């Protein structure tokens, strides 16, 4: 059993600067006392590369060392088959730093152009939890679906309006209720697996 008081108290910090992602992770880890980076001193994160697991682990370790509490981070991306897996790990920076969420999914639709259905794709996520001493655990999850020809719905964030999961009954991620999205999303599956890894570590 771990002797770390923060682990025993089930306290975690979400190491993300994306408010939508931070809220989603906090909701998915409802068994823990979860705080966000906004509740702690600023953390200077290193530049991200093209490896999901390494990005997630580095973000979690960097935040844990800076804050002194266990930190959870994830790295996720949208992989489109017709684009040879792009934008992938660079999804959050797709199209350049000047684009917001809508700008990025509009860029994606433009790049797909006249690509016919089914325009298959998947959301993929690696989640990592790191402790201040540098120890970490990781887990992954995916959600398969297709890219729509036009956006649908106004919920979620990121590429949710243009991604229809296979298990969504034809609706986009942005049209799903929160509990529906949590049950099938790549992030939900990765964090469920991560929670199991944490339980194994603390047993």
N, C-alpha and C. Protein backbone atom coordinates (compact mmCIF):
# COMPACT_ATOMS: atom_id res chain seq x y z
N UNK A 1 0.85 -1.19 0.00
CA UNK A 1 0.00 0.00 0.00
C UNK A 1 0.89 1.25 0.00
N UNK A 2 0.53 2.22 -0.81
CA UNK A 2 1.33 3.43 -0.89
C UNK A 2 1.29 4.20 0.42
N UNK A 3 2.40 4.84 0.78
CA UNK A 3 2.47 5.70 1.96
C UNK A 3 2.32 7.17 1.62
N UNK A 4 2.14 7.49 0.35
CA UNK A 4 1.99 8.88 -0.08
C UNK A 4 0.64 9.40 0.40
N UNK A 5 0.59 10.43 1.28
CA UNK A 5 -0.69 10.93 1.79
C UNK A 5 -1.63 11.37 0.69
N UNK A 6 -1.08 11.98 -0.38
CA UNK A 6 -1.95 12.47 -1.46
C UNK A 6 -2.63 11.31 -2.17
N UNK A 7 -1.91 10.17 -2.26
CA UNK A 7 -2.53 9.01 -2.89
C UNK A 7 -3.63 8.45 -2.00
N UNK A 8 -3.33 8.35 -0.66
CA UNK A 8 -4.33 7.81 0.25
C UNK A 8 -5.58 8.69 0.25
N UNK A 9 -5.40 9.99 0.12
CA UNK A 9 -6.54 10.90 0.10
C UNK A 9 -7.16 11.01 -1.28
N UNK A 10 -6.57 10.32 -2.27
CA UNK A 10 -7.08 10.31 -3.63
C UNK A 10 -7.16 11.72 -4.21
N UNK A 11 -6.08 12.48 -4.05
CA UNK A 11 -6.00 13.82 -4.60
C UNK A 11 -5.17 13.80 -5.87
N UNK A 12 -5.70 14.42 -6.92
CA UNK A 12 -5.01 14.49 -8.20
C UNK A 12 -5.14 15.89 -8.78
N UNK A 13 -4.17 16.27 -9.59
CA UNK A 13 -4.23 17.52 -10.33
C UNK A 13 -4.27 17.17 -11.81
N UNK A 14 -5.19 17.79 -12.55
CA UNK A 14 -5.27 17.59 -14.00
C UNK A 14 -4.26 18.50 -14.66
N UNK A 15 -3.25 17.91 -15.29
CA UNK A 15 -2.17 18.69 -15.90
C UNK A 15 -2.53 19.03 -17.34
N UNK A 16 -3.51 19.89 -17.50
CA UNK A 16 -3.92 20.32 -18.84
C UNK A 16 -4.27 21.79 -18.82
N UNK A 17 -3.89 22.50 -19.88
CA UNK A 17 -4.24 23.91 -20.02
C UNK A 17 -5.54 24.08 -20.81
N UNK A 18 -6.12 22.97 -21.27
CA UNK A 18 -7.36 22.99 -22.03
C UNK A 18 -8.53 22.85 -21.05
N UNK A 19 -9.33 23.90 -20.84
CA UNK A 19 -10.39 23.83 -19.83
C UNK A 19 -11.43 22.75 -20.11
N UNK A 20 -11.76 22.53 -21.38
CA UNK A 20 -12.74 21.49 -21.71
C UNK A 20 -12.21 20.12 -21.35
N UNK A 21 -10.96 19.86 -21.68
CA UNK A 21 -10.35 18.57 -21.35
C UNK A 21 -10.23 18.40 -19.84
N UNK A 22 -9.84 19.46 -19.13
CA UNK A 22 -9.70 19.39 -17.68
C UNK A 22 -11.02 19.06 -17.01
N UNK A 23 -12.10 19.68 -17.48
CA UNK A 23 -13.42 19.39 -16.90
C UNK A 23 -13.81 17.94 -17.17
N UNK A 24 -13.53 17.46 -18.38
CA UNK A 24 -13.90 16.10 -18.73
C UNK A 24 -13.12 15.08 -17.89
N UNK A 25 -11.83 15.31 -17.72
CA UNK A 25 -11.02 14.40 -16.91
C UNK A 25 -11.50 14.40 -15.46
N UNK A 26 -11.78 15.58 -14.91
CA UNK A 26 -12.28 15.67 -13.54
C UNK A 26 -13.59 14.90 -13.40
N UNK A 27 -14.46 14.99 -14.39
CA UNK A 27 -15.73 14.28 -14.34
C UNK A 27 -15.52 12.77 -14.41
N UNK A 28 -14.57 12.34 -15.26
CA UNK A 28 -14.32 10.92 -15.42
C UNK A 28 -13.62 10.31 -14.21
N UNK A 29 -12.90 11.14 -13.46
CA UNK A 29 -12.21 10.66 -12.26
C UNK A 29 -12.95 11.14 -11.01
N UNK A 30 -14.24 10.97 -11.01
CA UNK A 30 -15.07 11.51 -9.93
C UNK A 30 -14.82 10.84 -8.58
N UNK A 31 -14.16 9.69 -8.57
CA UNK A 31 -13.84 9.03 -7.30
C UNK A 31 -12.66 9.70 -6.59
N UNK A 32 -12.00 10.62 -7.28
CA UNK A 32 -10.86 11.33 -6.70
C UNK A 32 -11.24 12.77 -6.41
N UNK A 33 -10.46 13.40 -5.53
CA UNK A 33 -10.55 14.84 -5.33
C UNK A 33 -9.64 15.48 -6.38
N UNK A 34 -10.25 16.07 -7.39
CA UNK A 34 -9.50 16.54 -8.56
C UNK A 34 -9.48 18.06 -8.60
N UNK A 35 -8.29 18.61 -8.79
CA UNK A 35 -8.15 20.05 -8.99
C UNK A 35 -7.49 20.29 -10.35
N UNK A 36 -7.51 21.51 -10.81
CA UNK A 36 -6.95 21.84 -12.12
C UNK A 36 -5.70 22.69 -11.95
N UNK A 37 -5.00 22.89 -13.04
CA UNK A 37 -3.81 23.74 -13.01
C UNK A 37 -4.13 25.16 -12.55
N UNK A 38 -5.36 25.58 -12.81
CA UNK A 38 -5.75 26.94 -12.42
C UNK A 38 -5.69 27.14 -10.91
N UNK A 39 -5.71 26.04 -10.15
CA UNK A 39 -5.67 26.12 -8.69
C UNK A 39 -4.26 26.08 -8.13
N UNK A 40 -3.25 26.06 -9.00
CA UNK A 40 -1.86 25.90 -8.58
C UNK A 40 -0.97 26.89 -9.31
N UNK A 41 0.27 27.06 -8.85
CA UNK A 41 1.20 27.95 -9.56
C UNK A 41 1.42 27.48 -11.00
N UNK A 42 1.76 28.39 -11.91
CA UNK A 42 1.96 28.02 -13.32
C UNK A 42 3.03 26.94 -13.49
N UNK A 43 2.81 26.07 -14.47
CA UNK A 43 3.76 25.01 -14.80
C UNK A 43 4.26 25.25 -16.22
N UNK A 44 5.56 25.17 -16.41
CA UNK A 44 6.16 25.37 -17.72
C UNK A 44 6.36 24.01 -18.38
N UNK A 45 5.51 23.67 -19.35
CA UNK A 45 5.56 22.37 -19.99
C UNK A 45 6.53 22.39 -21.18
N UNK A 46 7.23 21.29 -21.41
CA UNK A 46 8.11 21.21 -22.58
C UNK A 46 7.32 21.09 -23.87
N UNK A 47 7.98 21.32 -24.98
CA UNK A 47 7.35 21.17 -26.30
C UNK A 47 6.95 19.71 -26.51
N UNK A 48 5.76 19.50 -27.07
CA UNK A 48 5.29 18.15 -27.32
C UNK A 48 5.80 17.64 -28.66
N UNK A 49 5.99 16.31 -28.74
CA UNK A 49 6.41 15.67 -29.97
C UNK A 49 5.30 14.83 -30.57
N UNK A 50 5.67 13.81 -31.30
CA UNK A 50 4.69 13.00 -32.02
C UNK A 50 4.34 11.68 -31.37
N UNK A 51 4.77 11.47 -30.11
CA UNK A 51 4.52 10.22 -29.40
C UNK A 51 3.53 10.47 -28.27
N UNK A 52 2.34 9.87 -28.38
CA UNK A 52 1.29 10.10 -27.38
C UNK A 52 1.76 9.77 -25.96
N UNK A 53 2.30 8.55 -25.78
CA UNK A 53 2.67 8.10 -24.44
C UNK A 53 3.74 8.99 -23.83
N UNK A 54 4.74 9.34 -24.62
CA UNK A 54 5.80 10.19 -24.10
C UNK A 54 5.27 11.58 -23.75
N UNK A 55 4.41 12.14 -24.60
CA UNK A 55 3.83 13.45 -24.30
C UNK A 55 3.05 13.43 -22.99
N UNK A 56 2.20 12.41 -22.83
CA UNK A 56 1.38 12.32 -21.62
C UNK A 56 2.25 12.14 -20.38
N UNK A 57 3.24 11.26 -20.48
CA UNK A 57 4.09 10.99 -19.32
C UNK A 57 4.91 12.23 -18.93
N UNK A 58 5.47 12.93 -19.92
CA UNK A 58 6.28 14.12 -19.63
C UNK A 58 5.42 15.21 -19.00
N UNK A 59 4.22 15.42 -19.52
CA UNK A 59 3.34 16.45 -18.95
C UNK A 59 2.99 16.12 -17.50
N UNK A 60 2.65 14.84 -17.24
CA UNK A 60 2.28 14.44 -15.89
C UNK A 60 3.46 14.58 -14.93
N UNK A 61 4.64 14.13 -15.36
CA UNK A 61 5.82 14.20 -14.49
C UNK A 61 6.23 15.65 -14.22
N UNK A 62 6.18 16.48 -15.27
CA UNK A 62 6.56 17.89 -15.11
C UNK A 62 5.66 18.58 -14.10
N UNK A 63 4.35 18.35 -14.22
CA UNK A 63 3.40 18.99 -13.30
C UNK A 63 3.55 18.44 -11.89
N UNK A 64 3.75 17.13 -11.75
CA UNK A 64 3.87 16.52 -10.42
C UNK A 64 5.09 17.06 -9.68
N UNK A 65 6.20 17.20 -10.40
CA UNK A 65 7.41 17.75 -9.77
C UNK A 65 7.19 19.21 -9.35
N UNK A 66 6.52 19.98 -10.20
CA UNK A 66 6.33 21.41 -9.92
C UNK A 66 5.33 21.65 -8.80
N UNK A 67 4.28 20.83 -8.75
CA UNK A 67 3.18 21.07 -7.81
C UNK A 67 3.36 20.29 -6.51
N UNK A 68 4.02 19.12 -6.61
CA UNK A 68 4.21 18.31 -5.42
C UNK A 68 3.05 17.40 -5.10
N UNK A 69 2.19 17.16 -6.08
CA UNK A 69 1.05 16.25 -5.93
C UNK A 69 1.00 15.32 -7.14
N UNK A 70 0.35 14.16 -7.02
CA UNK A 70 0.15 13.32 -8.20
C UNK A 70 -0.62 14.08 -9.26
N UNK A 71 -0.17 13.97 -10.50
CA UNK A 71 -0.81 14.69 -11.60
C UNK A 71 -1.16 13.73 -12.73
N UNK A 72 -2.33 13.95 -13.32
CA UNK A 72 -2.76 13.14 -14.44
C UNK A 72 -2.77 14.01 -15.69
N UNK A 73 -2.28 13.44 -16.78
CA UNK A 73 -2.26 14.14 -18.07
C UNK A 73 -2.63 13.15 -19.15
N UNK A 74 -3.08 13.67 -20.25
CA UNK A 74 -3.32 12.79 -21.37
C UNK A 74 -2.83 13.45 -22.65
N UNK A 75 -2.58 12.63 -23.64
CA UNK A 75 -2.32 13.14 -24.97
C UNK A 75 -3.21 12.35 -25.90
N UNK A 76 -3.95 13.06 -26.71
CA UNK A 76 -4.92 12.39 -27.57
C UNK A 76 -4.91 13.03 -28.95
N UNK A 77 -5.47 12.32 -29.89
CA UNK A 77 -5.50 12.83 -31.25
C UNK A 77 -6.56 12.15 -32.09
N UNK A 78 -6.88 12.80 -33.18
CA UNK A 78 -7.81 12.27 -34.16
C UNK A 78 -7.00 11.73 -35.32
N UNK A 79 -7.17 10.45 -35.62
CA UNK A 79 -6.43 9.81 -36.69
C UNK A 79 -7.40 9.45 -37.81
N UNK A 80 -7.23 10.08 -38.96
CA UNK A 80 -8.15 9.91 -40.09
C UNK A 80 -7.49 9.01 -41.13
N UNK A 81 -8.16 7.92 -41.47
CA UNK A 81 -7.56 6.94 -42.37
C UNK A 81 -7.23 7.54 -43.73
N UNK A 82 -8.12 8.36 -44.28
CA UNK A 82 -7.89 8.94 -45.60
C UNK A 82 -6.72 9.92 -45.61
N UNK A 83 -6.29 10.36 -44.41
CA UNK A 83 -5.15 11.28 -44.30
C UNK A 83 -3.93 10.56 -43.73
N UNK A 84 -3.92 9.23 -43.88
CA UNK A 84 -2.78 8.43 -43.40
C UNK A 84 -2.52 8.64 -41.91
N UNK A 85 -3.60 8.78 -41.15
CA UNK A 85 -3.48 8.89 -39.70
C UNK A 85 -3.33 10.31 -39.17
N UNK A 86 -3.27 11.30 -40.06
CA UNK A 86 -3.20 12.69 -39.58
C UNK A 86 -4.58 13.14 -39.12
N UNK A 87 -4.63 14.16 -38.26
CA UNK A 87 -3.52 14.93 -37.67
C UNK A 87 -2.83 14.25 -36.49
N UNK A 88 -3.40 13.18 -35.94
CA UNK A 88 -2.73 12.38 -34.93
C UNK A 88 -2.32 13.17 -33.70
N UNK A 89 -1.09 12.93 -33.24
CA UNK A 89 -0.61 13.57 -32.01
C UNK A 89 -0.51 15.09 -32.14
N UNK A 90 -0.61 15.60 -33.36
CA UNK A 90 -0.54 17.05 -33.58
C UNK A 90 -1.94 17.68 -33.73
N UNK A 91 -2.98 16.94 -33.32
CA UNK A 91 -4.36 17.41 -33.51
C UNK A 91 -4.62 18.76 -32.88
N UNK A 92 -4.08 19.00 -31.68
CA UNK A 92 -4.33 20.26 -30.99
C UNK A 92 -3.62 21.43 -31.63
N UNK A 93 -2.64 21.13 -32.51
CA UNK A 93 -1.89 22.21 -33.18
C UNK A 93 -2.11 22.19 -34.68
N UNK A 94 -3.05 21.41 -35.13
CA UNK A 94 -3.32 21.23 -36.55
C UNK A 94 -3.68 22.57 -37.20
N UNK A 95 -3.02 22.89 -38.28
CA UNK A 95 -3.31 24.12 -38.99
C UNK A 95 -2.56 25.34 -38.48
N UNK A 96 -1.79 25.17 -37.39
CA UNK A 96 -1.02 26.29 -36.87
C UNK A 96 -1.60 26.87 -35.60
N UNK A 97 -0.83 27.66 -34.87
CA UNK A 97 -1.25 28.18 -33.57
C UNK A 97 -2.37 29.21 -33.62
N UNK A 98 -2.66 29.76 -34.78
CA UNK A 98 -3.68 30.79 -34.86
C UNK A 98 -5.11 30.28 -34.92
N UNK A 99 -5.30 28.96 -34.99
CA UNK A 99 -6.65 28.39 -35.13
C UNK A 99 -7.23 27.98 -33.79
N UNK A 100 -8.54 28.20 -33.64
CA UNK A 100 -9.26 27.67 -32.48
C UNK A 100 -9.86 26.32 -32.86
N UNK A 101 -10.68 25.74 -31.98
CA UNK A 101 -11.27 24.43 -32.25
C UNK A 101 -12.02 24.41 -33.58
N UNK A 102 -12.85 25.42 -33.80
CA UNK A 102 -13.63 25.45 -35.05
C UNK A 102 -12.71 25.59 -36.25
N UNK A 103 -11.69 26.40 -36.13
CA UNK A 103 -10.74 26.56 -37.23
C UNK A 103 -10.06 25.25 -37.58
N UNK A 104 -9.75 24.45 -36.57
CA UNK A 104 -9.07 23.18 -36.83
C UNK A 104 -9.99 22.18 -37.49
N UNK A 105 -11.25 22.05 -37.03
CA UNK A 105 -12.10 21.06 -37.70
C UNK A 105 -12.52 21.53 -39.09
N UNK A 106 -12.60 22.84 -39.29
CA UNK A 106 -12.89 23.33 -40.65
C UNK A 106 -11.70 23.03 -41.57
N UNK A 107 -10.50 23.18 -41.07
CA UNK A 107 -9.30 22.84 -41.84
C UNK A 107 -9.31 21.35 -42.21
N UNK A 108 -9.71 20.52 -41.26
CA UNK A 108 -9.79 19.08 -41.50
C UNK A 108 -10.78 18.77 -42.62
N UNK A 109 -11.97 19.36 -42.56
CA UNK A 109 -12.98 19.12 -43.59
C UNK A 109 -12.48 19.59 -44.95
N UNK A 110 -11.79 20.71 -44.98
CA UNK A 110 -11.24 21.21 -46.24
C UNK A 110 -10.21 20.24 -46.81
N UNK A 111 -9.38 19.72 -45.95
CA UNK A 111 -8.34 18.80 -46.42
C UNK A 111 -8.95 17.50 -46.93
N UNK A 112 -10.02 17.05 -46.30
CA UNK A 112 -10.69 15.84 -46.78
C UNK A 112 -11.39 16.09 -48.11
N UNK A 113 -11.84 17.31 -48.34
CA UNK A 113 -12.45 17.69 -49.61
C UNK A 113 -13.55 16.73 -50.02
N UNK A 114 -13.40 16.15 -51.22
CA UNK A 114 -14.43 15.26 -51.74
C UNK A 114 -14.26 13.80 -51.38
N UNK A 115 -13.48 13.50 -50.33
CA UNK A 115 -13.31 12.12 -49.90
C UNK A 115 -14.67 11.51 -49.60
N UNK A 116 -15.04 10.41 -50.25
CA UNK A 116 -16.37 9.84 -50.05
C UNK A 116 -16.50 9.13 -48.71
N UNK A 117 -17.74 8.91 -48.25
CA UNK A 117 -17.96 8.12 -47.04
C UNK A 117 -17.37 6.73 -47.22
N UNK A 118 -16.99 6.04 -46.15
CA UNK A 118 -17.35 6.35 -44.76
C UNK A 118 -16.37 7.27 -44.03
N UNK A 119 -15.25 7.68 -44.63
CA UNK A 119 -14.30 8.61 -44.00
C UNK A 119 -13.95 8.15 -42.58
N UNK A 120 -13.52 6.90 -42.46
CA UNK A 120 -13.26 6.28 -41.16
C UNK A 120 -12.12 6.96 -40.42
N UNK A 121 -12.23 6.96 -39.10
CA UNK A 121 -11.25 7.62 -38.24
C UNK A 121 -11.36 7.05 -36.83
N UNK A 122 -10.44 7.44 -36.00
CA UNK A 122 -10.54 7.09 -34.58
C UNK A 122 -9.95 8.21 -33.74
N UNK A 123 -10.53 8.38 -32.55
CA UNK A 123 -9.90 9.17 -31.51
C UNK A 123 -9.06 8.21 -30.68
N UNK A 124 -7.82 8.59 -30.39
CA UNK A 124 -6.94 7.75 -29.59
C UNK A 124 -6.38 8.57 -28.44
N UNK A 125 -6.25 7.95 -27.28
CA UNK A 125 -5.80 8.68 -26.08
C UNK A 125 -4.85 7.82 -25.27
N UNK A 126 -3.80 8.43 -24.78
CA UNK A 126 -2.95 7.82 -23.75
C UNK A 126 -3.01 8.72 -22.52
N UNK A 127 -3.35 8.14 -21.38
CA UNK A 127 -3.42 8.87 -20.13
C UNK A 127 -2.29 8.41 -19.22
N UNK A 128 -1.71 9.35 -18.49
CA UNK A 128 -0.60 9.04 -17.58
C UNK A 128 -0.85 9.69 -16.23
N UNK A 129 -0.48 8.98 -15.18
CA UNK A 129 -0.47 9.54 -13.85
C UNK A 129 0.96 9.48 -13.34
N UNK A 130 1.47 10.59 -12.84
CA UNK A 130 2.83 10.65 -12.31
C UNK A 130 2.80 11.16 -10.88
N UNK A 131 3.71 10.65 -10.07
CA UNK A 131 3.89 11.09 -8.70
C UNK A 131 5.09 12.02 -8.62
N UNK A 132 5.19 12.83 -7.58
CA UNK A 132 6.31 13.77 -7.48
C UNK A 132 7.68 13.11 -7.52
N UNK A 133 7.78 11.83 -7.14
CA UNK A 133 9.07 11.15 -7.16
C UNK A 133 9.46 10.66 -8.55
N UNK A 134 8.60 10.89 -9.56
CA UNK A 134 8.91 10.51 -10.93
C UNK A 134 8.28 9.22 -11.38
N UNK A 135 7.74 8.42 -10.46
CA UNK A 135 7.06 7.18 -10.86
C UNK A 135 5.80 7.52 -11.67
N UNK A 136 5.47 6.68 -12.64
CA UNK A 136 4.29 6.95 -13.45
C UNK A 136 3.68 5.66 -13.97
N UNK A 137 2.40 5.73 -14.29
CA UNK A 137 1.70 4.63 -14.96
C UNK A 137 0.95 5.21 -16.14
N UNK A 138 0.76 4.41 -17.19
CA UNK A 138 0.04 4.88 -18.38
C UNK A 138 -0.98 3.84 -18.82
N UNK A 139 -1.97 4.30 -19.56
CA UNK A 139 -2.98 3.43 -20.15
C UNK A 139 -3.54 4.12 -21.38
N UNK A 140 -4.13 3.35 -22.29
CA UNK A 140 -4.67 3.97 -23.50
C UNK A 140 -6.09 3.53 -23.78
N UNK A 141 -6.73 4.23 -24.71
CA UNK A 141 -8.09 3.91 -25.12
C UNK A 141 -8.37 4.52 -26.48
N UNK A 142 -9.34 3.97 -27.18
CA UNK A 142 -9.70 4.50 -28.50
C UNK A 142 -11.20 4.49 -28.70
N UNK A 143 -11.64 5.31 -29.64
CA UNK A 143 -13.05 5.37 -30.04
C UNK A 143 -13.08 5.48 -31.56
N UNK A 144 -13.64 4.47 -32.19
CA UNK A 144 -13.68 4.44 -33.66
C UNK A 144 -14.97 5.06 -34.18
N UNK A 145 -14.86 5.67 -35.37
CA UNK A 145 -16.04 6.28 -35.96
C UNK A 145 -15.72 6.80 -37.35
N UNK A 146 -16.35 7.93 -37.72
CA UNK A 146 -16.17 8.48 -39.06
C UNK A 146 -16.25 10.01 -38.99
N UNK A 147 -15.67 10.63 -40.00
CA UNK A 147 -15.71 12.09 -40.10
C UNK A 147 -16.93 12.50 -40.93
N UNK A 148 -17.75 13.38 -40.36
CA UNK A 148 -18.94 13.86 -41.05
C UNK A 148 -18.57 14.87 -42.13
N UNK A 149 -19.50 15.11 -43.03
CA UNK A 149 -19.26 16.10 -44.08
C UNK A 149 -19.55 17.52 -43.60
N UNK A 150 -20.30 17.64 -42.51
CA UNK A 150 -20.62 18.95 -41.93
C UNK A 150 -20.78 18.77 -40.42
N UNK A 151 -20.52 19.81 -39.64
CA UNK A 151 -20.60 19.69 -38.18
C UNK A 151 -22.04 19.48 -37.70
N UNK A 152 -22.16 18.80 -36.57
CA UNK A 152 -23.47 18.57 -35.94
C UNK A 152 -23.31 18.69 -34.43
N UNK A 153 -24.19 19.46 -33.81
CA UNK A 153 -24.19 19.58 -32.36
C UNK A 153 -23.31 20.70 -31.86
N UNK A 154 -23.53 21.10 -30.62
CA UNK A 154 -22.77 22.21 -30.05
C UNK A 154 -22.17 21.86 -28.69
N UNK A 155 -22.10 20.58 -28.36
CA UNK A 155 -21.49 20.16 -27.10
C UNK A 155 -20.03 19.77 -27.31
N UNK A 156 -19.40 19.34 -26.21
CA UNK A 156 -18.03 18.86 -26.31
C UNK A 156 -17.04 19.96 -26.66
N UNK A 157 -15.93 19.56 -27.27
CA UNK A 157 -14.89 20.50 -27.67
C UNK A 157 -14.03 19.82 -28.72
N UNK A 158 -13.06 20.56 -29.24
CA UNK A 158 -12.16 19.97 -30.24
C UNK A 158 -12.90 19.57 -31.51
N UNK A 159 -12.65 18.34 -31.95
CA UNK A 159 -13.22 17.84 -33.21
C UNK A 159 -14.58 17.16 -33.01
N UNK A 160 -15.15 17.25 -31.81
CA UNK A 160 -16.40 16.54 -31.51
C UNK A 160 -17.52 16.80 -32.53
N UNK A 161 -17.69 18.04 -33.05
CA UNK A 161 -18.82 18.28 -33.97
C UNK A 161 -18.72 17.53 -35.30
N UNK A 162 -17.52 17.10 -35.69
CA UNK A 162 -17.39 16.46 -37.00
C UNK A 162 -17.03 14.98 -36.90
N UNK A 163 -17.08 14.41 -35.68
CA UNK A 163 -16.76 13.00 -35.49
C UNK A 163 -17.99 12.26 -34.99
N UNK A 164 -18.42 11.24 -35.75
CA UNK A 164 -19.56 10.42 -35.36
C UNK A 164 -19.04 9.06 -34.91
N UNK A 165 -19.09 8.74 -33.62
CA UNK A 165 -18.58 7.45 -33.14
C UNK A 165 -19.47 6.30 -33.61
N UNK A 166 -18.87 5.15 -33.83
CA UNK A 166 -19.64 3.99 -34.26
C UNK A 166 -20.75 3.64 -33.28
N UNK A 167 -20.51 3.89 -32.00
CA UNK A 167 -21.49 3.55 -30.97
C UNK A 167 -22.43 4.70 -30.64
N UNK A 168 -22.45 5.73 -31.49
CA UNK A 168 -23.25 6.91 -31.18
C UNK A 168 -24.59 7.00 -31.87
N UNK A 169 -24.98 5.95 -32.57
CA UNK A 169 -26.29 5.97 -33.22
C UNK A 169 -26.41 7.02 -34.31
N UNK A 170 -25.30 7.33 -34.99
CA UNK A 170 -25.33 8.32 -36.07
C UNK A 170 -25.14 9.74 -35.62
N UNK A 171 -25.08 9.97 -34.32
CA UNK A 171 -24.87 11.32 -33.80
C UNK A 171 -23.38 11.64 -33.71
N UNK A 172 -23.07 12.92 -33.75
CA UNK A 172 -21.68 13.33 -33.54
C UNK A 172 -21.38 13.30 -32.04
N UNK A 173 -20.10 13.36 -31.71
CA UNK A 173 -19.71 13.45 -30.30
C UNK A 173 -20.32 14.68 -29.64
N UNK A 174 -20.47 15.75 -30.41
CA UNK A 174 -21.01 17.00 -29.87
C UNK A 174 -22.50 16.92 -29.61
N UNK A 175 -23.17 15.88 -30.10
CA UNK A 175 -24.61 15.70 -29.87
C UNK A 175 -24.91 14.75 -28.71
N UNK A 176 -23.89 14.07 -28.21
CA UNK A 176 -24.10 13.11 -27.14
C UNK A 176 -24.20 13.80 -25.79
N UNK A 177 -25.04 13.25 -24.91
CA UNK A 177 -25.07 13.71 -23.53
C UNK A 177 -23.74 13.36 -22.87
N UNK A 178 -23.40 14.07 -21.83
CA UNK A 178 -22.09 13.85 -21.20
C UNK A 178 -21.90 12.40 -20.78
N UNK A 179 -22.92 11.79 -20.18
CA UNK A 179 -22.75 10.41 -19.71
C UNK A 179 -22.60 9.45 -20.88
N UNK A 180 -23.23 9.77 -22.02
CA UNK A 180 -23.07 8.92 -23.20
C UNK A 180 -21.65 9.02 -23.75
N UNK A 181 -21.15 10.24 -23.83
CA UNK A 181 -19.79 10.44 -24.33
C UNK A 181 -18.77 9.77 -23.41
N UNK A 182 -18.95 9.95 -22.10
CA UNK A 182 -18.00 9.39 -21.15
C UNK A 182 -17.91 7.87 -21.27
N UNK A 183 -19.02 7.24 -21.61
CA UNK A 183 -19.06 5.78 -21.67
C UNK A 183 -18.33 5.21 -22.87
N UNK A 184 -18.19 5.99 -23.94
CA UNK A 184 -17.60 5.43 -25.17
C UNK A 184 -16.36 6.16 -25.65
N UNK A 185 -16.03 7.29 -25.03
CA UNK A 185 -14.94 8.11 -25.56
C UNK A 185 -13.58 7.47 -25.34
N UNK A 186 -12.64 7.85 -26.18
CA UNK A 186 -11.26 7.40 -26.04
C UNK A 186 -10.68 7.80 -24.69
N UNK A 187 -11.00 9.01 -24.24
CA UNK A 187 -10.48 9.49 -22.97
C UNK A 187 -11.11 8.73 -21.81
N UNK A 188 -12.41 8.48 -21.90
CA UNK A 188 -13.08 7.72 -20.86
C UNK A 188 -12.50 6.32 -20.72
N UNK A 189 -12.23 5.67 -21.84
CA UNK A 189 -11.68 4.31 -21.80
C UNK A 189 -10.25 4.32 -21.28
N UNK A 190 -9.46 5.32 -21.68
CA UNK A 190 -8.09 5.40 -21.21
C UNK A 190 -8.04 5.65 -19.70
N UNK A 191 -8.91 6.53 -19.20
CA UNK A 191 -8.89 6.84 -17.78
C UNK A 191 -9.46 5.69 -16.95
N UNK A 192 -10.39 4.95 -17.50
CA UNK A 192 -10.89 3.75 -16.81
C UNK A 192 -9.75 2.74 -16.64
N UNK A 193 -8.99 2.54 -17.72
CA UNK A 193 -7.85 1.64 -17.65
C UNK A 193 -6.78 2.18 -16.71
N UNK A 194 -6.59 3.51 -16.70
CA UNK A 194 -5.59 4.11 -15.82
C UNK A 194 -5.98 3.91 -14.36
N UNK A 195 -7.26 4.07 -14.05
CA UNK A 195 -7.73 3.87 -12.68
C UNK A 195 -7.42 2.44 -12.21
N UNK A 196 -7.56 1.48 -13.11
CA UNK A 196 -7.24 0.10 -12.76
C UNK A 196 -5.75 -0.07 -12.49
N UNK A 197 -4.92 0.62 -13.28
CA UNK A 197 -3.47 0.55 -13.08
C UNK A 197 -3.09 1.18 -11.73
N UNK A 198 -3.74 2.29 -11.38
CA UNK A 198 -3.47 2.94 -10.10
C UNK A 198 -3.84 2.01 -8.95
N UNK A 199 -5.00 1.35 -9.08
CA UNK A 199 -5.45 0.42 -8.02
C UNK A 199 -4.45 -0.72 -7.85
N UNK A 200 -3.91 -1.22 -8.96
CA UNK A 200 -2.90 -2.28 -8.89
C UNK A 200 -1.65 -1.77 -8.17
N UNK A 201 -1.25 -0.55 -8.48
CA UNK A 201 -0.05 0.02 -7.88
C UNK A 201 -0.21 0.21 -6.38
N UNK A 202 -1.41 0.55 -5.93
CA UNK A 202 -1.63 0.86 -4.52
C UNK A 202 -2.10 -0.34 -3.71
N UNK A 203 -2.29 -1.50 -4.37
CA UNK A 203 -2.80 -2.68 -3.66
C UNK A 203 -1.76 -3.22 -2.68
